[in-house]
Amino acid sequence: MTVPARPEAYLAVELAGAGRHPAAWRLPGARAAELFSAGYWIELAQQADAAGLDFVALPDSFVPPDGTEGAEGRVRGRLDAVAIAARVAPVTSTVGLVPTATVTHTEPFHLSKAIATLDFVSLGRAGWQPAVSRTQAEADLFGRRDAAPAAVLWREVADAIEVVARLWDSWEDDAVIRDVATGRYLDRAKVHYIDFSGEFFSVKGPSITPRPPQAHPPVVLHLGDGSDEADAVAVIGRWADVVRVAAPDLAASAAARQRVRAAVAAAGRDPDVVPVLLDVETLLAATAGDAARTLEQLDGWAGATGPAAAPGTLRAVGTPDELAELIGDAVGGGAADGVTLAPLALPDGLRVITGELVPALVARGLRPAAPRPGSLRDRFGLPRPANYFTEARA
């Protein structure tokens, strides 16, 4: 009997400092002294690039150190995700770069310029993950307003994404003409004021950066712990190009994927064009027992300095072959279109993913044998967006 081939799985990895586990910096291979160096991030990104991963996700947040008992045992501080992505862009060639950009307390004009610049320096491999800032402690860092309810925050996300997209469109693709004979660098008729006025922003524009190579670098949105899911899903339906979901098991992931697809369809878009990637926390070793013992050690260290990190989503602690089978089941069973792997410990966790898991996926027909060329939109089969102002004129 011929066994039908399983569909290929999208594969991304989250690069978060020494890893998701709060005690990971204490492992022998953690290289904690290098977390704030460019070389550390370049090495990780180049590993992901060489292995043909679809994108690296670079988390970021305004959340300050919490000051709770045991917090001194955790890594304090982080580098800016967009700046990291811009640094590694010139030394990578195919992998997508998706930094988190918090839209709360942040002007969309600045975000549009930063992500457009990243798209230029990466030659069309940029994406971005808009995020919200929920706490009063974060609001106090800025001092302009108090924390807002989830419904307000997600309405602001929708406004911010729209402003960013219109700013990108404020330059038509052929606005820069560089006509030496006439001395005209720019066709001014193809640069537009956006004149956006919404609940949260009033932006005249235009951008000071030309339209990015991808027109709109893909928007990656996250469906998380369920606390603000109803508010997030509506924004996902309208704006997401790629969706990450956190779910405790494949059944919950399949249910989340169906909610996403329903929201996308309700917004008048094709749900088959919006892939859903399940977040999977990973700790891989040669044997399942070795992986379990490492996790026990990490939890023991975290217990001595504060509470161990509870799984934020499905957690895979075992061998690369076991994780490859899990990914095949997730994609083949309709629970997800791929995964975003979040190593509990870096850099060793990434080394196992790129050196052992990826070959196992290739052998199972779940990944291509060579990195895919093209832009990040190309990787996900996303069409190039029409220009808002060109369409309006037509």
Protein backbone atom coordinates (compact mmCIF):
# COMPACT_ATOMS: atom_id res chain seq x y z
CA MET A 1 0.00 0.00 0.00
CA THR A 2 1.28 3.48 -0.88
CA VAL A 3 1.35 5.87 2.06
CA PRO A 4 0.29 9.38 0.99
CA ALA A 5 2.97 12.03 1.45
CA ARG A 6 2.43 14.48 4.26
CA PRO A 7 2.38 18.16 3.31
CA GLU A 8 5.48 20.22 3.91
CA ALA A 9 5.59 22.09 7.20
CA TYR A 10 6.55 25.71 7.61
CA LEU A 11 9.39 25.91 10.11
CA ALA A 12 10.39 28.95 12.15
CA VAL A 13 12.40 29.35 15.32
CA GLU A 14 12.18 31.87 18.14
CA LEU A 15 15.53 33.23 19.30
CA ALA A 16 15.15 34.59 22.82
CA GLY A 17 18.39 35.33 24.66
CA ALA A 18 19.66 32.17 26.34
CA GLY A 19 16.36 30.41 25.66
CA ARG A 20 12.81 30.45 27.01
CA HIS A 21 13.65 28.78 30.32
CA PRO A 22 14.58 31.39 32.95
CA ALA A 23 17.53 29.30 34.17
CA ALA A 24 18.94 28.41 30.74
CA TRP A 25 21.79 30.93 31.08
CA ARG A 26 23.35 28.65 33.73
CA LEU A 27 23.90 25.70 31.40
CA PRO A 28 27.55 25.10 30.39
CA GLY A 29 26.98 25.97 26.73
CA ALA A 30 24.81 29.02 27.31
CA ARG A 31 27.44 31.72 26.61
CA ALA A 32 25.65 34.12 28.93
CA ALA A 33 28.46 36.68 28.67
CA GLU A 34 27.71 37.09 24.93
CA LEU A 35 23.96 37.74 25.04
CA PHE A 36 24.46 41.45 24.38
CA SER A 37 27.04 40.99 21.62
CA ALA A 38 26.40 41.17 17.88
CA GLY A 39 28.42 38.01 17.26
CA TYR A 40 26.06 35.86 19.32
CA TRP A 41 23.01 36.89 17.29
CA ILE A 42 24.84 36.67 13.98
CA GLU A 43 25.87 33.09 14.73
CA LEU A 44 22.32 32.04 15.63
CA ALA A 45 20.80 33.72 12.59
CA GLN A 46 23.37 32.18 10.25
CA GLN A 47 22.63 28.71 11.62
CA ALA A 48 18.93 29.20 10.94
CA ASP A 49 19.74 30.60 7.49
CA ALA A 50 21.96 27.68 6.50
CA ALA A 51 19.32 25.18 7.64
CA GLY A 52 16.69 26.72 5.38
CA LEU A 53 14.29 27.82 8.12
CA ASP A 54 11.43 30.04 6.95
CA PHE A 55 12.01 32.77 9.54
CA VAL A 56 13.52 33.60 12.88
CA ALA A 57 11.21 35.30 15.37
CA LEU A 58 12.89 37.83 17.63
CA PRO A 59 10.72 38.51 20.69
CA ASP A 60 10.70 41.87 22.42
CA SER A 61 8.69 43.62 25.11
CA PHE A 62 8.48 46.73 27.25
CA VAL A 63 7.98 44.56 30.36
CA PRO A 64 10.53 45.72 32.95
CA PRO A 65 12.21 43.34 35.44
CA ASP A 66 9.41 42.26 37.76
CA GLY A 67 11.29 42.69 41.02
CA THR A 68 9.74 39.55 42.53
CA GLU A 69 11.68 37.25 44.83
CA GLY A 70 14.24 35.30 42.84
CA ALA A 71 14.25 37.70 39.88
CA GLU A 72 17.97 38.26 40.44
CA GLY A 73 18.47 34.70 39.15
CA ARG A 74 17.15 35.57 35.69
CA VAL A 75 18.65 37.32 32.69
CA ARG A 76 17.90 41.03 33.01
CA GLY A 77 17.61 43.28 30.00
CA ARG A 78 17.36 42.64 26.28
CA LEU A 79 18.50 44.13 23.00
CA ASP A 80 16.02 45.75 20.61
CA ALA A 81 14.55 43.13 18.28
CA VAL A 82 14.33 45.33 15.18
CA ALA A 83 17.94 46.41 15.65
CA ILE A 84 19.08 42.77 15.99
CA ALA A 85 17.24 41.90 12.78
CA ALA A 86 18.87 44.80 10.94
CA ARG A 87 22.31 43.68 12.16
CA VAL A 88 21.96 40.07 11.01
CA ALA A 89 20.21 40.90 7.71
CA PRO A 90 23.38 41.57 5.67
CA VAL A 91 25.05 38.34 6.83
CA THR A 92 22.12 36.04 6.04
CA SER A 93 20.64 35.26 2.64
CA THR A 94 17.33 33.35 2.70
CA VAL A 95 15.84 33.22 6.21
CA GLY A 96 13.03 35.63 7.07
CA LEU A 97 13.54 38.09 9.93
CA VAL A 98 10.48 38.78 12.11
CA PRO A 99 11.09 41.04 15.10
CA THR A 100 8.37 41.83 17.61
CA ALA A 101 7.39 45.51 17.59
CA THR A 102 5.13 46.70 20.40
CA VAL A 103 2.60 49.16 18.99
CA THR A 104 1.29 50.37 22.35
CA HIS A 105 3.08 53.60 23.38
CA THR A 106 4.83 53.61 19.97
CA GLU A 107 4.16 55.86 16.99
CA PRO A 108 3.32 53.90 13.81
CA PHE A 109 5.35 56.37 11.72
CA HIS A 110 8.52 55.19 13.47
CA LEU A 111 7.53 51.53 13.12
CA SER A 112 6.81 51.90 9.39
CA LYS A 113 10.23 53.43 8.80
CA ALA A 114 12.08 50.81 10.88
CA ILE A 115 10.41 47.78 9.26
CA ALA A 116 10.72 49.27 5.77
CA THR A 117 14.43 49.81 6.39
CA LEU A 118 14.76 46.20 7.56
CA ASP A 119 13.07 45.05 4.34
CA PHE A 120 15.55 47.04 2.26
CA VAL A 121 18.67 45.82 4.08
CA SER A 122 17.45 42.19 4.03
CA LEU A 123 16.48 42.38 0.34
CA GLY A 124 12.85 41.53 1.02
CA ARG A 125 13.06 39.14 3.97
CA ALA A 126 11.47 41.30 6.68
CA GLY A 127 8.29 40.66 8.58
CA TRP A 128 7.02 42.07 11.86
CA GLN A 129 4.99 40.85 14.80
CA PRO A 130 2.89 43.68 16.29
CA ALA A 131 2.32 43.22 20.01
CA VAL A 132 0.46 44.97 22.82
CA SER A 133 1.71 46.36 26.10
CA ARG A 134 -0.75 45.48 28.86
CA THR A 135 0.64 46.48 32.25
CA GLN A 136 0.72 49.70 34.24
CA ALA A 137 4.43 49.15 34.89
CA GLU A 138 5.06 49.38 31.15
CA ALA A 139 2.83 52.45 30.83
CA ASP A 140 4.79 54.11 33.64
CA LEU A 141 7.99 53.75 31.61
CA PHE A 142 6.52 56.22 29.12
CA GLY A 143 4.40 58.33 31.46
CA ARG A 144 1.95 59.47 28.80
CA ARG A 145 -1.10 57.37 29.66
CA ASP A 146 -2.33 54.51 31.83
CA ALA A 147 -2.68 50.84 30.87
CA ALA A 148 -5.78 50.12 28.79
CA PRO A 149 -8.22 47.18 28.56
CA ALA A 150 -7.54 44.47 26.00
CA ALA A 151 -10.35 45.59 23.70
CA VAL A 152 -8.82 49.08 23.47
CA LEU A 153 -5.30 47.73 22.95
CA TRP A 154 -6.33 45.52 20.04
CA ARG A 155 -8.32 48.29 18.36
CA GLU A 156 -5.11 50.30 18.59
CA VAL A 157 -3.19 47.42 16.97
CA ALA A 158 -5.62 47.47 14.03
CA ASP A 159 -5.21 51.23 13.62
CA ALA A 160 -1.42 50.99 13.87
CA ILE A 161 -1.16 48.26 11.25
CA GLU A 162 -3.38 50.24 8.88
CA VAL A 163 -1.31 53.41 9.36
CA VAL A 164 1.92 51.49 8.75
CA ALA A 165 0.51 49.90 5.58
CA ARG A 166 -0.70 53.24 4.23
CA LEU A 167 2.64 54.86 4.96
CA TRP A 168 4.36 52.08 3.00
CA ASP A 169 1.91 52.76 0.16
CA SER A 170 2.46 56.52 0.32
CA TRP A 171 5.30 56.02 -2.16
CA GLU A 172 4.21 54.25 -5.33
CA ASP A 173 6.61 51.58 -6.58
CA ASP A 174 7.91 53.79 -9.37
CA ALA A 175 7.99 57.09 -7.45
CA VAL A 176 11.81 57.27 -7.57
CA ILE A 177 12.75 58.12 -11.17
CA ARG A 178 16.36 59.45 -10.90
CA ASP A 179 16.08 61.44 -14.12
CA VAL A 180 19.56 62.94 -14.44
CA ALA A 181 18.69 64.93 -17.57
CA THR A 182 15.90 66.89 -15.88
CA GLY A 183 17.34 66.77 -12.37
CA ARG A 184 14.22 65.07 -11.02
CA TYR A 185 15.00 62.36 -8.49
CA LEU A 186 11.37 61.86 -7.48
CA ASP A 187 8.02 61.94 -9.27
CA ARG A 188 6.18 64.01 -6.67
CA ALA A 189 2.78 63.02 -8.08
CA LYS A 190 3.48 59.45 -6.93
CA VAL A 191 4.14 60.34 -3.28
CA HIS A 192 0.95 60.79 -1.25
CA TYR A 193 -0.28 62.22 2.01
CA ILE A 194 -2.13 59.45 3.82
CA ASP A 195 -4.33 61.83 5.87
CA PHE A 196 -5.26 59.06 8.30
CA SER A 197 -7.56 60.00 11.17
CA GLY A 198 -8.68 57.24 13.51
CA GLU A 199 -9.47 56.51 17.14
CA PHE A 200 -5.81 56.51 18.20
CA PHE A 201 -3.75 58.22 15.51
CA SER A 202 -3.93 61.21 13.23
CA VAL A 203 -1.13 60.89 10.67
CA LYS A 204 -0.67 63.12 7.63
CA GLY A 205 2.38 61.41 6.12
CA PRO A 206 3.85 60.64 3.69
CA SER A 207 6.64 58.30 4.76
CA ILE A 208 10.23 59.40 4.32
CA THR A 209 11.19 55.88 3.21
CA PRO A 210 10.24 54.46 -0.23
CA ARG A 211 7.84 51.55 -0.50
CA PRO A 212 9.59 48.39 0.77
CA PRO A 213 10.74 45.65 -1.61
CA GLN A 214 7.85 43.41 -0.50
CA ALA A 215 5.40 46.35 -0.57
CA HIS A 216 4.08 45.18 2.81
CA PRO A 217 6.45 43.03 4.90
CA PRO A 218 4.24 40.24 6.27
CA VAL A 219 2.29 40.84 9.48
CA VAL A 220 2.71 37.96 11.94
CA LEU A 221 0.13 38.01 14.75
CA HIS A 222 0.01 35.83 17.83
CA LEU A 223 -2.97 34.09 19.40
CA GLY A 224 -1.82 33.49 22.94
CA ASP A 225 -3.18 32.50 26.31
CA GLY A 226 -6.85 33.25 25.61
CA SER A 227 -7.13 36.24 27.94
CA ASP A 228 -7.77 38.62 25.04
CA GLU A 229 -8.53 36.13 22.30
CA ALA A 230 -11.87 37.60 21.22
CA ASP A 231 -10.28 41.01 20.70
CA ALA A 232 -7.19 39.59 18.97
CA VAL A 233 -9.06 37.28 16.59
CA ALA A 234 -10.89 40.13 14.85
CA VAL A 235 -7.59 41.90 14.15
CA ILE A 236 -6.01 38.63 13.01
CA GLY A 237 -8.88 38.06 10.60
CA ARG A 238 -8.40 41.45 8.98
CA TRP A 239 -4.62 41.92 9.01
CA ALA A 240 -2.57 38.77 9.67
CA ASP A 241 -0.45 37.28 6.89
CA VAL A 242 0.89 34.55 9.21
CA VAL A 243 -0.52 33.51 12.59
CA ARG A 244 1.31 31.99 15.53
CA VAL A 245 -0.79 30.12 18.09
CA ALA A 246 0.04 28.92 21.58
CA ALA A 247 -1.84 25.73 22.47
CA PRO A 248 -1.24 22.94 25.02
CA ASP A 249 -1.82 20.09 22.54
CA LEU A 250 -2.65 19.34 18.92
CA ALA A 251 -6.41 19.27 19.52
CA ALA A 252 -6.33 22.78 20.98
CA SER A 253 -4.12 23.92 18.12
CA ALA A 254 -6.58 22.53 15.56
CA ALA A 255 -9.42 24.39 17.28
CA ALA A 256 -7.40 27.63 17.28
CA ARG A 257 -6.58 27.16 13.62
CA GLN A 258 -10.27 26.82 12.82
CA ARG A 259 -11.04 30.03 14.73
CA VAL A 260 -8.35 31.83 12.78
CA ARG A 261 -9.61 30.52 9.46
CA ALA A 262 -13.19 31.52 10.32
CA ALA A 263 -12.06 35.03 11.26
CA VAL A 264 -10.07 35.41 8.04
CA ALA A 265 -13.04 34.25 5.98
CA ALA A 266 -15.38 36.61 7.86
CA ALA A 267 -13.07 39.47 6.90
CA GLY A 268 -13.52 38.57 3.23
CA ARG A 269 -10.11 37.01 2.78
CA ASP A 270 -9.03 33.53 1.67
CA PRO A 271 -8.17 31.46 4.78
CA ASP A 272 -6.02 29.11 2.71
CA VAL A 273 -3.55 31.97 2.18
CA VAL A 274 -2.99 32.60 5.92
CA PRO A 275 -0.82 29.85 7.45
CA VAL A 276 -1.13 29.00 11.15
CA LEU A 277 2.05 28.00 12.99
CA LEU A 278 1.91 26.24 16.36
CA ASP A 279 4.40 27.39 18.99
CA VAL A 280 6.34 24.40 20.37
CA GLU A 281 8.79 24.81 23.24
CA THR A 282 11.67 22.40 22.68
CA LEU A 283 14.40 20.71 24.65
CA LEU A 284 16.05 18.03 22.54
CA ALA A 285 18.76 15.50 23.32
CA ALA A 286 20.12 12.15 22.12
CA THR A 287 17.62 10.33 24.33
CA ALA A 288 14.35 11.32 25.95
CA GLY A 289 15.92 10.58 29.32
CA ASP A 290 18.79 13.00 28.70
CA ALA A 291 16.33 15.72 27.73
CA ALA A 292 14.19 15.09 30.82
CA ARG A 293 17.23 15.25 33.11
CA THR A 294 18.32 18.59 31.62
CA LEU A 295 14.85 20.01 32.13
CA GLU A 296 14.83 18.74 35.72
CA GLN A 297 18.12 20.52 36.33
CA LEU A 298 16.80 23.75 34.81
CA ASP A 299 13.63 23.59 36.89
CA GLY A 300 15.70 22.92 39.99
CA TRP A 301 17.80 25.99 39.38
CA ALA A 302 14.73 28.10 38.71
CA GLY A 303 13.12 26.77 41.87
CA ALA A 304 16.10 27.98 43.87
CA THR A 305 15.76 31.53 42.53
CA GLY A 306 12.07 31.84 41.72
CA PRO A 307 9.25 29.86 40.07
CA ALA A 308 10.14 27.73 37.07
CA ALA A 309 8.59 28.83 33.81
CA ALA A 310 5.36 26.98 33.15
CA PRO A 311 4.95 25.87 29.56
CA GLY A 312 3.49 28.69 27.51
CA THR A 313 2.37 26.21 24.84
CA LEU A 314 2.94 22.60 23.76
CA ARG A 315 6.32 21.44 25.01
CA ALA A 316 8.45 18.77 23.30
CA VAL A 317 11.11 17.28 25.58
CA GLY A 318 12.77 14.33 23.86
CA THR A 319 14.65 13.42 20.70
CA PRO A 320 14.72 15.12 17.29
CA ASP A 321 12.99 12.10 15.72
CA GLU A 322 10.15 12.35 18.24
CA LEU A 323 9.69 16.04 17.47
CA ALA A 324 9.78 15.34 13.72
CA GLU A 325 6.92 12.87 14.15
CA LEU A 326 4.98 15.41 16.22
CA ILE A 327 5.39 18.05 13.50
CA GLY A 328 4.25 15.55 10.87
CA ASP A 329 1.18 14.71 12.94
CA ALA A 330 0.39 18.40 13.47
CA VAL A 331 0.55 19.26 9.78
CA GLY A 332 -0.93 16.02 8.47
CA GLY A 333 -3.79 16.18 10.97
CA GLY A 334 -4.74 19.79 10.30
CA ALA A 335 -3.65 21.11 13.69
CA ALA A 336 -1.26 23.60 12.07
CA ASP A 337 0.46 24.48 8.82
CA GLY A 338 3.84 24.44 10.52
CA VAL A 339 5.56 25.26 13.79
CA THR A 340 7.52 27.99 15.47
CA LEU A 341 10.05 26.23 17.68
CA ALA A 342 11.02 28.01 20.90
CA PRO A 343 14.16 26.36 22.35
CA LEU A 344 14.21 26.31 26.14
CA ALA A 345 18.01 26.64 25.96
CA LEU A 346 20.23 28.43 23.45
CA PRO A 347 22.51 28.13 21.57
CA ASP A 348 22.63 24.33 21.95
CA GLY A 349 18.88 24.02 21.33
CA LEU A 350 19.21 25.67 17.93
CA ARG A 351 22.23 23.53 17.05
CA VAL A 352 20.17 20.36 17.54
CA ILE A 353 17.24 21.80 15.54
CA THR A 354 19.38 22.76 12.55
CA GLY A 355 21.77 19.81 12.70
CA GLU A 356 19.43 16.93 13.56
CA LEU A 357 15.76 17.91 13.43
CA VAL A 358 15.86 19.56 10.00
CA PRO A 359 17.49 16.51 8.32
CA ALA A 360 14.86 14.31 9.98
CA LEU A 361 12.11 16.51 8.55
CA VAL A 362 13.71 16.47 5.10
CA ALA A 363 13.89 12.66 5.22
CA ARG A 364 10.16 12.54 6.00
CA GLY A 365 9.28 14.90 3.15
CA LEU A 366 8.23 17.61 5.56
CA ARG A 367 10.87 20.13 4.50
CA PRO A 368 12.62 20.93 1.20
CA ALA A 369 16.15 19.65 0.76
CA ALA A 370 17.51 23.15 0.03
CA PRO A 371 16.61 26.63 1.32
CA ARG A 372 13.86 28.36 -0.64
CA PRO A 373 14.96 31.53 -2.44
CA GLY A 374 12.88 34.68 -2.70
CA SER A 375 11.21 37.07 -0.32
CA LEU A 376 9.44 36.19 2.90
CA ARG A 377 6.12 36.74 1.12
CA ASP A 378 7.28 34.28 -1.57
CA ARG A 379 8.01 31.63 1.06
CA PHE A 380 4.43 31.77 2.29
CA GLY A 381 2.85 32.16 -1.13
CA LEU A 382 1.51 35.60 -0.25
CA PRO A 383 0.50 37.83 -3.15
CA ARG A 384 2.05 41.27 -3.48
CA PRO A 385 -0.41 43.83 -2.10
CA ALA A 386 -1.79 46.46 -4.43
CA ASN A 387 -0.92 50.05 -3.59
CA TYR A 388 -3.77 51.76 -1.74
CA PHE A 389 -3.33 55.04 -3.62
CA THR A 390 -2.88 53.45 -7.05
CA GLU A 391 -6.13 51.52 -6.53
CA ALA A 392 -7.91 54.65 -5.35
CA ARG A 393 -6.80 56.54 -8.46
CA ALA A 394 -7.89 53.67 -10.71
